Amino acid sequence: MNRFDPTRSAGEARVRFLDNDFQILSPGSFVRCAVTGQPIGLDDLKYWSVERQEAYADAAASLKRHLEIAG
């Protein structure tokens, strides 16, 4: 997806997380981190859980969620 795609809205996207990819269900320019709540631009999205269908701002947020669930 192109960062300057004119069809992308400025709001929050609905996304389905897949292995090594994600599918946009509703257009938007960002998703929210499940741990911190901070917006993550779709072009910057690198961390998510397919099992929990959650996005994470960074590796630390991903680890934090994993430890919450596991412990």
Protein backbone atom coordinates (compact mmCIF):
# COMPACT_ATOMS: atom_id res chain seq x y z
CA MET A 1 0.00 0.00 0.00
CA ASN A 2 1.33 3.39 -0.95
CA ARG A 3 1.79 5.96 1.83
CA PHE A 4 0.24 8.59 -0.48
CA ASP A 5 -2.73 6.46 -1.53
CA PRO A 6 -5.60 8.95 -2.04
CA THR A 7 -8.19 6.29 -1.17
CA ARG A 8 -6.81 5.85 2.36
CA SER A 9 -8.69 7.85 4.99
CA ALA A 10 -6.96 9.65 7.84
CA GLY A 11 -8.81 7.66 10.54
CA GLU A 12 -8.20 4.34 12.25
CA ALA A 13 -8.09 1.30 9.99
CA ARG A 14 -9.65 -2.08 10.75
CA VAL A 15 -7.11 -4.77 9.98
CA ARG A 16 -7.00 -8.56 9.94
CA PHE A 17 -3.54 -9.76 10.91
CA LEU A 18 -2.13 -12.67 8.93
CA ASP A 19 1.19 -14.52 8.98
CA ASN A 20 3.77 -12.09 7.55
CA ASP A 21 1.07 -9.73 6.24
CA PHE A 22 -2.15 -7.96 7.11
CA GLN A 23 -5.38 -7.29 5.26
CA ILE A 24 -7.15 -3.94 5.50
CA LEU A 25 -10.84 -4.44 6.21
CA SER A 26 -11.74 -0.75 6.59
CA PRO A 27 -9.50 2.00 5.21
CA GLY A 28 -7.50 4.22 7.51
CA SER A 29 -3.98 5.43 8.05
CA PHE A 30 -3.22 3.82 11.42
CA VAL A 31 -4.08 1.13 13.99
CA ARG A 32 -3.70 1.37 17.76
CA CYS A 33 -1.20 -0.51 19.87
CA ALA A 34 -3.05 -3.00 22.07
CA VAL A 35 -0.69 -2.29 24.97
CA THR A 36 0.01 1.45 24.85
CA GLY A 37 -2.94 2.75 22.83
CA GLN A 38 -0.63 4.84 20.67
CA PRO A 39 -1.40 5.11 16.96
CA ILE A 40 0.83 3.13 14.60
CA GLY A 41 0.96 4.21 10.96
CA LEU A 42 0.23 1.30 8.64
CA ASP A 43 3.53 1.94 6.87
CA ASP A 44 5.32 1.55 10.23
CA LEU A 45 3.42 -1.53 11.46
CA LYS A 46 5.90 -4.35 12.14
CA TYR A 47 4.62 -6.17 15.23
CA TRP A 48 1.30 -7.97 15.69
CA SER A 49 -0.27 -11.16 16.96
CA VAL A 50 -2.21 -13.31 14.51
CA GLU A 51 -3.63 -15.35 17.41
CA ARG A 52 -4.88 -12.33 19.38
CA GLN A 53 -5.44 -10.05 16.36
CA GLU A 54 -3.60 -7.20 18.07
CA ALA A 55 -1.05 -4.66 16.86
CA TYR A 56 1.97 -3.55 18.90
CA ALA A 57 3.97 -0.34 18.65
CA ASP A 58 7.30 -2.10 19.12
CA ALA A 59 8.98 -5.30 20.28
CA ALA A 60 8.82 -4.20 23.94
CA ALA A 61 5.03 -3.82 23.76
CA SER A 62 4.74 -7.22 22.10
CA LEU A 63 6.83 -8.84 24.85
CA LYS A 64 4.84 -7.06 27.56
CA ARG A 65 1.56 -8.45 26.17
CA HIS A 66 3.07 -11.93 25.83
CA LEU A 67 4.18 -11.87 29.48
CA GLU A 68 0.75 -10.63 30.62
CA ILE A 69 -0.96 -13.50 28.83
CA ALA A 70 1.58 -16.15 29.85
CA GLY A 71 1.88 -15.19 33.48
